[in-house]
Amino acid sequence: MKEAFRKAASHVSVAAGNPSTFLGALLIVVVWALTGRLFNYSNTWQLVINTGTTIVTFLMVFLIQNTQNRDGRAIQLKLDELIRSGKGRNSFIDIEDLTDEELAVVSKEFERLHEKTDVIAFRKLHSKLQEAHKHRKTKNIA
């Protein structure tokens, strides 16, 4: 059952992200809108699109969440392997399981390391990241 659901979720997720799927959904909405006059824009006519979109949305939430959870786990395992095989800190393995407060402590540690570092490239990268972050914040506010 789990394997069948995983495969179905993966296929649906790929299909849902396809441009032709978007065009198909758009075509359905256009046809529905064009038939409005034929059905005198009745409550039943409106109910058809409302029910259809609600059902599709409800089911897609679970399928896409399953796919995202799986992808997230796979990425974490890849990162863990890189840490184990490289010079990264082994203590960062499973860091995603830390509380928000514990993650804030780790973040502060990196800020302190950054302040002590005299590497120009590192400072430039950090500045660019800060600018990008500020740009995203102002874009989201506007």
N, C-alpha and C. Protein backbone atom coordinates (compact mmCIF):
# COMPACT_ATOMS: atom_id res chain seq x y z
N MET A 1 0.82 -1.20 0.00
CA MET A 1 0.00 0.00 0.00
C MET A 1 0.87 1.26 0.00
N LYS A 2 1.89 1.30 0.90
CA LYS A 2 2.75 2.47 0.98
C LYS A 2 3.51 2.69 -0.32
N GLU A 3 4.01 1.63 -0.90
CA GLU A 3 4.77 1.75 -2.13
C GLU A 3 3.89 2.22 -3.28
N ALA A 4 2.67 1.71 -3.34
CA ALA A 4 1.73 2.15 -4.39
C ALA A 4 1.40 3.63 -4.23
N PHE A 5 1.19 4.06 -2.98
CA PHE A 5 0.89 5.47 -2.73
C PHE A 5 2.09 6.34 -3.09
N ARG A 6 3.31 5.89 -2.73
CA ARG A 6 4.51 6.66 -3.05
C ARG A 6 4.66 6.84 -4.55
N LYS A 7 4.45 5.76 -5.30
CA LYS A 7 4.57 5.84 -6.75
C LYS A 7 3.49 6.76 -7.33
N ALA A 8 2.26 6.60 -6.85
CA ALA A 8 1.17 7.45 -7.35
C ALA A 8 1.42 8.91 -7.02
N ALA A 9 1.87 9.18 -5.80
CA ALA A 9 2.15 10.56 -5.39
C ALA A 9 3.25 11.16 -6.25
N SER A 10 4.26 10.38 -6.52
CA SER A 10 5.37 10.86 -7.35
C SER A 10 4.91 11.17 -8.76
N HIS A 11 4.14 10.26 -9.35
CA HIS A 11 3.64 10.48 -10.72
C HIS A 11 2.69 11.67 -10.79
N VAL A 12 1.80 11.78 -9.83
CA VAL A 12 0.85 12.90 -9.82
C VAL A 12 1.59 14.22 -9.62
N SER A 13 2.58 14.22 -8.75
CA SER A 13 3.35 15.43 -8.50
C SER A 13 4.07 15.89 -9.76
N VAL A 14 4.67 14.96 -10.48
CA VAL A 14 5.35 15.29 -11.73
C VAL A 14 4.34 15.79 -12.76
N ALA A 15 3.21 15.10 -12.87
CA ALA A 15 2.19 15.49 -13.84
C ALA A 15 1.59 16.85 -13.50
N ALA A 16 1.39 17.12 -12.20
CA ALA A 16 0.79 18.40 -11.79
C ALA A 16 1.70 19.57 -12.11
N GLY A 17 3.00 19.34 -12.14
CA GLY A 17 3.94 20.41 -12.45
C GLY A 17 4.20 20.58 -13.93
N ASN A 18 3.51 19.84 -14.75
CA ASN A 18 3.70 19.87 -16.19
C ASN A 18 2.89 21.02 -16.81
N PRO A 19 3.45 21.77 -17.73
CA PRO A 19 2.71 22.87 -18.38
C PRO A 19 1.43 22.41 -19.07
N SER A 20 1.44 21.21 -19.63
CA SER A 20 0.24 20.73 -20.31
C SER A 20 -0.89 20.47 -19.31
N THR A 21 -0.55 20.09 -18.10
CA THR A 21 -1.57 19.91 -17.07
C THR A 21 -2.19 21.24 -16.71
N PHE A 22 -1.37 22.28 -16.60
CA PHE A 22 -1.89 23.62 -16.34
C PHE A 22 -2.81 24.06 -17.46
N LEU A 23 -2.39 23.84 -18.70
CA LEU A 23 -3.23 24.24 -19.84
C LEU A 23 -4.54 23.47 -19.85
N GLY A 24 -4.49 22.18 -19.47
CA GLY A 24 -5.72 21.39 -19.38
C GLY A 24 -6.67 21.94 -18.33
N ALA A 25 -6.13 22.30 -17.17
CA ALA A 25 -6.96 22.87 -16.10
C ALA A 25 -7.52 24.22 -16.54
N LEU A 26 -6.69 25.01 -17.21
CA LEU A 26 -7.16 26.30 -17.72
C LEU A 26 -8.28 26.11 -18.73
N LEU A 27 -8.15 25.11 -19.60
CA LEU A 27 -9.18 24.81 -20.59
C LEU A 27 -10.50 24.43 -19.91
N ILE A 28 -10.41 23.64 -18.85
CA ILE A 28 -11.62 23.25 -18.11
C ILE A 28 -12.30 24.48 -17.54
N VAL A 29 -11.55 25.40 -16.98
CA VAL A 29 -12.12 26.62 -16.40
C VAL A 29 -12.74 27.48 -17.49
N VAL A 30 -12.07 27.59 -18.63
CA VAL A 30 -12.62 28.40 -19.74
C VAL A 30 -13.92 27.79 -20.25
N VAL A 31 -13.94 26.47 -20.44
CA VAL A 31 -15.17 25.80 -20.90
C VAL A 31 -16.28 26.00 -19.88
N TRP A 32 -15.94 25.85 -18.62
CA TRP A 32 -16.93 26.06 -17.56
C TRP A 32 -17.48 27.49 -17.63
N ALA A 33 -16.60 28.46 -17.76
CA ALA A 33 -17.02 29.87 -17.82
C ALA A 33 -17.90 30.13 -19.04
N LEU A 34 -17.53 29.54 -20.17
CA LEU A 34 -18.31 29.75 -21.39
C LEU A 34 -19.69 29.10 -21.33
N THR A 35 -19.82 28.04 -20.54
CA THR A 35 -21.13 27.39 -20.43
C THR A 35 -22.04 28.09 -19.42
N GLY A 36 -21.53 29.11 -18.75
CA GLY A 36 -22.32 29.82 -17.75
C GLY A 36 -23.61 30.38 -18.32
N ARG A 37 -23.53 31.00 -19.48
CA ARG A 37 -24.73 31.58 -20.09
C ARG A 37 -25.74 30.49 -20.42
N LEU A 38 -25.25 29.34 -20.91
CA LEU A 38 -26.12 28.22 -21.26
C LEU A 38 -26.91 27.73 -20.06
N PHE A 39 -26.31 27.78 -18.89
CA PHE A 39 -26.96 27.31 -17.66
C PHE A 39 -27.49 28.46 -16.82
N ASN A 40 -27.57 29.64 -17.40
CA ASN A 40 -28.07 30.84 -16.71
C ASN A 40 -27.31 31.14 -15.42
N TYR A 41 -26.03 30.81 -15.43
CA TYR A 41 -25.17 31.07 -14.26
C TYR A 41 -25.82 30.60 -12.96
N SER A 42 -26.42 29.42 -13.03
CA SER A 42 -27.18 28.89 -11.90
C SER A 42 -26.27 28.46 -10.75
N ASN A 43 -26.89 28.19 -9.62
CA ASN A 43 -26.14 27.70 -8.46
C ASN A 43 -25.50 26.35 -8.75
N THR A 44 -26.20 25.51 -9.50
CA THR A 44 -25.66 24.19 -9.85
C THR A 44 -24.43 24.36 -10.72
N TRP A 45 -24.47 25.29 -11.66
CA TRP A 45 -23.33 25.57 -12.54
C TRP A 45 -22.11 26.00 -11.70
N GLN A 46 -22.33 26.84 -10.72
CA GLN A 46 -21.25 27.29 -9.85
C GLN A 46 -20.76 26.15 -8.95
N LEU A 47 -21.70 25.34 -8.50
CA LEU A 47 -21.36 24.23 -7.61
C LEU A 47 -20.44 23.22 -8.31
N VAL A 48 -20.60 23.05 -9.60
CA VAL A 48 -19.77 22.10 -10.35
C VAL A 48 -18.30 22.47 -10.24
N ILE A 49 -17.97 23.72 -10.51
CA ILE A 49 -16.56 24.12 -10.46
C ILE A 49 -16.05 24.18 -9.02
N ASN A 50 -16.88 24.63 -8.11
CA ASN A 50 -16.47 24.70 -6.70
C ASN A 50 -16.17 23.32 -6.14
N THR A 51 -17.05 22.37 -6.42
CA THR A 51 -16.85 21.01 -5.93
C THR A 51 -15.63 20.37 -6.56
N GLY A 52 -15.50 20.53 -7.87
CA GLY A 52 -14.36 19.95 -8.58
C GLY A 52 -13.03 20.48 -8.07
N THR A 53 -12.93 21.78 -7.94
CA THR A 53 -11.66 22.35 -7.47
C THR A 53 -11.37 22.00 -6.02
N THR A 54 -12.40 21.94 -5.21
CA THR A 54 -12.21 21.57 -3.80
C THR A 54 -11.68 20.15 -3.67
N ILE A 55 -12.26 19.22 -4.41
CA ILE A 55 -11.83 17.82 -4.35
C ILE A 55 -10.39 17.68 -4.84
N VAL A 56 -10.09 18.31 -5.97
CA VAL A 56 -8.73 18.22 -6.52
C VAL A 56 -7.72 18.83 -5.54
N THR A 57 -8.04 19.98 -4.99
CA THR A 57 -7.14 20.64 -4.04
C THR A 57 -6.92 19.79 -2.80
N PHE A 58 -7.99 19.24 -2.27
CA PHE A 58 -7.92 18.41 -1.07
C PHE A 58 -6.99 17.22 -1.30
N LEU A 59 -7.15 16.53 -2.42
CA LEU A 59 -6.32 15.37 -2.69
C LEU A 59 -4.87 15.75 -3.01
N MET A 60 -4.69 16.84 -3.72
CA MET A 60 -3.34 17.26 -4.10
C MET A 60 -2.50 17.64 -2.89
N VAL A 61 -3.12 18.19 -1.87
CA VAL A 61 -2.38 18.57 -0.67
C VAL A 61 -1.65 17.35 -0.09
N PHE A 62 -2.33 16.24 0.00
CA PHE A 62 -1.72 15.04 0.58
C PHE A 62 -0.66 14.44 -0.34
N LEU A 63 -0.93 14.43 -1.63
CA LEU A 63 0.04 13.87 -2.56
C LEU A 63 1.32 14.71 -2.62
N ILE A 64 1.16 16.01 -2.71
CA ILE A 64 2.33 16.87 -2.80
C ILE A 64 3.10 16.89 -1.48
N GLN A 65 2.39 16.87 -0.36
CA GLN A 65 3.07 16.83 0.94
C GLN A 65 3.89 15.57 1.08
N ASN A 66 3.36 14.45 0.63
CA ASN A 66 4.10 13.20 0.67
C ASN A 66 5.38 13.31 -0.16
N THR A 67 5.28 13.86 -1.34
CA THR A 67 6.43 14.01 -2.22
C THR A 67 7.46 14.95 -1.60
N GLN A 68 7.01 16.06 -1.03
CA GLN A 68 7.94 17.01 -0.40
C GLN A 68 8.62 16.39 0.82
N ASN A 69 7.89 15.65 1.63
CA ASN A 69 8.49 14.98 2.79
C ASN A 69 9.58 14.02 2.34
N ARG A 70 9.29 13.26 1.31
CA ARG A 70 10.25 12.28 0.79
C ARG A 70 11.49 13.00 0.25
N ASP A 71 11.29 14.05 -0.54
CA ASP A 71 12.41 14.81 -1.09
C ASP A 71 13.25 15.43 0.03
N GLY A 72 12.59 15.96 1.05
CA GLY A 72 13.30 16.57 2.18
C GLY A 72 14.15 15.55 2.91
N ARG A 73 13.60 14.36 3.13
CA ARG A 73 14.37 13.30 3.80
C ARG A 73 15.58 12.91 2.96
N ALA A 74 15.37 12.79 1.65
CA ALA A 74 16.47 12.39 0.76
C ALA A 74 17.58 13.45 0.78
N ILE A 75 17.22 14.71 0.75
CA ILE A 75 18.21 15.78 0.79
C ILE A 75 18.97 15.75 2.12
N GLN A 76 18.25 15.54 3.22
CA GLN A 76 18.92 15.47 4.53
C GLN A 76 19.92 14.33 4.57
N LEU A 77 19.54 13.18 4.02
CA LEU A 77 20.45 12.04 4.02
C LEU A 77 21.69 12.33 3.17
N LYS A 78 21.49 13.01 2.04
CA LYS A 78 22.63 13.37 1.20
C LYS A 78 23.56 14.34 1.93
N LEU A 79 22.97 15.32 2.60
CA LEU A 79 23.79 16.27 3.36
C LEU A 79 24.52 15.57 4.50
N ASP A 80 23.83 14.67 5.18
CA ASP A 80 24.48 13.92 6.26
C ASP A 80 25.67 13.13 5.73
N GLU A 81 25.52 12.53 4.56
CA GLU A 81 26.61 11.77 3.97
C GLU A 81 27.78 12.68 3.63
N LEU A 82 27.50 13.86 3.11
CA LEU A 82 28.57 14.81 2.80
C LEU A 82 29.31 15.23 4.07
N ILE A 83 28.56 15.45 5.15
CA ILE A 83 29.19 15.82 6.42
C ILE A 83 30.07 14.69 6.92
N ARG A 84 29.57 13.48 6.85
CA ARG A 84 30.34 12.33 7.34
C ARG A 84 31.61 12.13 6.53
N SER A 85 31.54 12.35 5.22
CA SER A 85 32.69 12.06 4.37
C SER A 85 33.64 13.25 4.22
N GLY A 86 33.19 14.42 4.63
CA GLY A 86 34.01 15.61 4.45
C GLY A 86 34.55 16.14 5.75
N LYS A 87 34.76 17.46 5.76
CA LYS A 87 35.33 18.10 6.94
C LYS A 87 34.26 18.81 7.76
N GLY A 88 33.00 18.57 7.43
CA GLY A 88 31.93 19.19 8.20
C GLY A 88 31.83 18.58 9.59
N ARG A 89 31.13 19.28 10.45
CA ARG A 89 30.98 18.79 11.83
C ARG A 89 29.94 17.69 11.89
N ASN A 90 30.31 16.57 12.49
CA ASN A 90 29.36 15.47 12.65
C ASN A 90 28.17 15.87 13.52
N SER A 91 28.38 16.89 14.36
CA SER A 91 27.29 17.32 15.23
C SER A 91 26.14 17.94 14.44
N PHE A 92 26.38 18.28 13.16
CA PHE A 92 25.31 18.88 12.36
C PHE A 92 24.39 17.83 11.76
N ILE A 93 24.77 16.57 11.86
CA ILE A 93 23.90 15.52 11.37
C ILE A 93 22.64 15.51 12.21
N ASP A 94 21.51 15.45 11.56
CA ASP A 94 20.18 15.49 12.20
C ASP A 94 19.89 16.83 12.87
N ILE A 95 20.51 17.90 12.39
CA ILE A 95 20.29 19.23 12.97
C ILE A 95 18.83 19.68 12.78
N GLU A 96 18.16 19.11 11.79
CA GLU A 96 16.76 19.48 11.54
C GLU A 96 15.84 19.07 12.69
N ASP A 97 16.33 18.21 13.57
CA ASP A 97 15.52 17.79 14.71
C ASP A 97 15.65 18.71 15.92
N LEU A 98 16.51 19.72 15.81
CA LEU A 98 16.69 20.66 16.92
C LEU A 98 15.47 21.56 17.07
N THR A 99 15.31 22.10 18.27
CA THR A 99 14.22 23.06 18.50
C THR A 99 14.61 24.40 17.87
N ASP A 100 13.66 25.30 17.78
CA ASP A 100 13.94 26.62 17.23
C ASP A 100 14.99 27.35 18.08
N GLU A 101 14.92 27.17 19.38
CA GLU A 101 15.87 27.81 20.27
C GLU A 101 17.29 27.27 20.04
N GLU A 102 17.40 25.96 19.88
CA GLU A 102 18.71 25.34 19.63
C GLU A 102 19.27 25.79 18.27
N LEU A 103 18.41 25.91 17.26
CA LEU A 103 18.85 26.40 15.96
C LEU A 103 19.33 27.84 16.05
N ALA A 104 18.67 28.64 16.89
CA ALA A 104 19.09 30.04 17.08
C ALA A 104 20.49 30.09 17.69
N VAL A 105 20.81 29.18 18.61
CA VAL A 105 22.15 29.13 19.21
C VAL A 105 23.18 28.81 18.14
N VAL A 106 22.88 27.85 17.27
CA VAL A 106 23.80 27.49 16.19
C VAL A 106 23.99 28.68 15.25
N SER A 107 22.91 29.36 14.95
CA SER A 107 22.99 30.54 14.08
C SER A 107 23.87 31.62 14.69
N LYS A 108 23.72 31.85 16.00
CA LYS A 108 24.56 32.84 16.69
C LYS A 108 26.03 32.43 16.63
N GLU A 109 26.29 31.14 16.75
CA GLU A 109 27.67 30.66 16.67
C GLU A 109 28.28 31.01 15.32
N PHE A 110 27.51 30.84 14.25
CA PHE A 110 28.02 31.18 12.93
C PHE A 110 28.21 32.68 12.78
N GLU A 111 27.36 33.46 13.41
CA GLU A 111 27.54 34.92 13.38
C GLU A 111 28.85 35.30 14.07
N ARG A 112 29.13 34.68 15.20
CA ARG A 112 30.38 34.95 15.92
C ARG A 112 31.58 34.53 15.07
N LEU A 113 31.49 33.38 14.43
CA LEU A 113 32.58 32.93 13.56
C LEU A 113 32.80 33.91 12.42
N HIS A 114 31.71 34.41 11.89
CA HIS A 114 31.80 35.37 10.79
C HIS A 114 32.50 36.65 11.24
N GLU A 115 32.18 37.12 12.42
CA GLU A 115 32.80 38.34 12.93
C GLU A 115 34.30 38.16 13.13
N LYS A 116 34.73 36.95 13.48
CA LYS A 116 36.14 36.67 13.72
C LYS A 116 36.90 36.40 12.42
N THR A 117 36.18 36.09 11.36
CA THR A 117 36.82 35.71 10.11
C THR A 117 37.23 36.94 9.32
N ASP A 118 38.44 36.92 8.82
CA ASP A 118 38.93 38.03 8.02
C ASP A 118 38.94 37.69 6.53
N VAL A 119 38.33 36.62 6.16
CA VAL A 119 38.32 36.22 4.76
C VAL A 119 37.38 37.13 3.99
N ILE A 120 37.92 37.87 3.02
CA ILE A 120 37.15 38.87 2.27
C ILE A 120 36.02 38.20 1.49
N ALA A 121 36.30 37.08 0.87
CA ALA A 121 35.28 36.39 0.07
C ALA A 121 34.09 36.00 0.94
N PHE A 122 34.38 35.54 2.16
CA PHE A 122 33.30 35.14 3.06
C PHE A 122 32.44 36.34 3.43
N ARG A 123 33.08 37.47 3.69
CA ARG A 123 32.34 38.69 4.03
C ARG A 123 31.49 39.17 2.86
N LYS A 124 32.04 39.09 1.64
CA LYS A 124 31.29 39.50 0.46
C LYS A 124 30.07 38.61 0.27
N LEU A 125 30.26 37.31 0.43
CA LEU A 125 29.14 36.38 0.30
C LEU A 125 28.08 36.68 1.34
N HIS A 126 28.50 36.91 2.56
CA HIS A 126 27.55 37.22 3.63
C HIS A 126 26.79 38.51 3.32
N SER A 127 27.47 39.51 2.81
CA SER A 127 26.82 40.78 2.45
C SER A 127 25.79 40.57 1.35
N LYS A 128 26.15 39.78 0.36
CA LYS A 128 25.21 39.49 -0.73
C LYS A 128 23.98 38.76 -0.21
N LEU A 129 24.18 37.82 0.68
CA LEU A 129 23.05 37.08 1.26
C LEU A 129 22.15 38.02 2.06
N GLN A 130 22.77 38.94 2.81
CA GLN A 130 21.97 39.90 3.58
C GLN A 130 21.17 40.80 2.65
N GLU A 131 21.79 41.27 1.57
CA GLU A 131 21.08 42.12 0.60
C GLU A 131 19.92 41.37 -0.02
N ALA A 132 20.15 40.13 -0.41
CA ALA A 132 19.08 39.33 -1.00
C ALA A 132 17.94 39.13 -0.01
N HIS A 133 18.30 38.89 1.25
CA HIS A 133 17.28 38.71 2.28
C HIS A 133 16.46 39.98 2.48
N LYS A 134 17.14 41.13 2.53
CA LYS A 134 16.43 42.41 2.68
C LYS A 134 15.54 42.67 1.48
N HIS A 135 16.04 42.34 0.27
CA HIS A 135 15.25 42.54 -0.93
C HIS A 135 13.98 41.69 -0.92
N ARG A 136 14.11 40.44 -0.48
CA ARG A 136 12.94 39.56 -0.40
C ARG A 136 11.95 40.08 0.63
N LYS A 137 12.46 40.57 1.76
CA LYS A 137 11.58 41.10 2.81
C LYS A 137 10.80 42.30 2.29
N THR A 138 11.50 43.23 1.62
CA THR A 138 10.80 44.44 1.13
C THR A 138 9.85 44.08 0.01
N LYS A 139 10.18 43.07 -0.78
CA LYS A 139 9.30 42.63 -1.87
C LYS A 139 8.04 42.00 -1.30
N ASN A 140 8.17 41.23 -0.22
CA ASN A 140 7.01 40.58 0.39
C ASN A 140 6.12 41.59 1.12
N ILE A 141 6.71 42.65 1.64
CA ILE A 141 5.93 43.66 2.35
C ILE A 141 5.11 44.49 1.37
N ALA A 142 5.70 44.80 0.23
CA ALA A 142 5.03 45.66 -0.77
C ALA A 142 3.89 44.97 -1.45
